Amino acid sequence: MDIKDFSGKKTAVALGMFDGVHLGHRAVFERAESFDEHGAEAAVFTFDSESLGDKHGKSYRYVVPNSLKLDMIRQAGIKNICCADFSELRNYEAEEFVKVVLAGKMNAVKVVCGPDFRFGRGAAGNVDSLRKYGAKYGFEVSTVDPVVVDGNVVSSSRIRELLSEGDVKKANALLGYRYKIKRSVEDGNHIGRTIDFPTINQSFEEGQLIPAYGVYATSVVIDGKQYDGITNIGVKPTVEKECKPLAETHILGFSGDLYGKTLEVSFSDFLR
């Protein structure tokens, strides 16, 4: 089991999948950081998004790839991050997970999570059992109430629903930032070298949630500068005649060759 060892320090562990790193997740991070003054360093325990092909027997589609998720957690100010492979821990009973991971590897003195957090084999553990095991293994549990935006409870599942419907405006309000993809530019019949309005093609990672097909208002960051874009998400045949969803973005006001570059495209509105 390859899990980072924090035994040399006391930690306040923010516990969760943190898919999308939305406003609710950031509230959990802030609570963990609030324990710094008590000598506990804020830390995050999460699972590699790509290791969750099925989570507790259910098909799982993640909002953002794991690398982007970890980048955003760091940007939120968390330096201590443990990102585990779900397949290595999925058969751990709830108490075993607490003993080996939270009390053992993470050296937790505080654990922070949402009120609906589940853990352990078959999602058998809940907040009540986490508190019970915490009393046994030496940590306190703090829960963070759900964040509500415009009458909507912020949750990864709700954000997935909104993106699947193409409602990026509402999804962005719950995320606290504009939904984005960050992928390398693929070959696309050399259209990307068009001088006036370059077009870039980016594929989605396997297992990643794909927003509703259609045309979106977007922006693209190139060498630190932001450009307006129009992005079409849809299916396009490959050379092998296989069909795969692509994000095809027309970039306004830019001239240059972008093949092979990793670019971030942020979505602001659904157009049609």
Foldseek 3Di string as FASTA:
>chain_A
DDWAAPVVAEAAEEEDACFLVWPQSLVQQVVRCVCVVVRHAYEYEHEQLVLCCDALNHGAAGLAHRVVSVVVVVVSPHDHYIYHRCVVFQQFAPLRCCVCPVCGRNVYQEYEYAQADFDGHSSPDGPVVVQVSCVVRHHHYDHDYFDADPNRGQDRVVLLVCQQVQNQQVSCRRRVHFRKYWFAFADDVPQQQPFAWGKTKGADDPRHRHGHFAKFWKWKADPNDIFTKIWGWDWDQDPVRDIGTIIIITTHPDHDHRHGPIMMMGTNHGDD
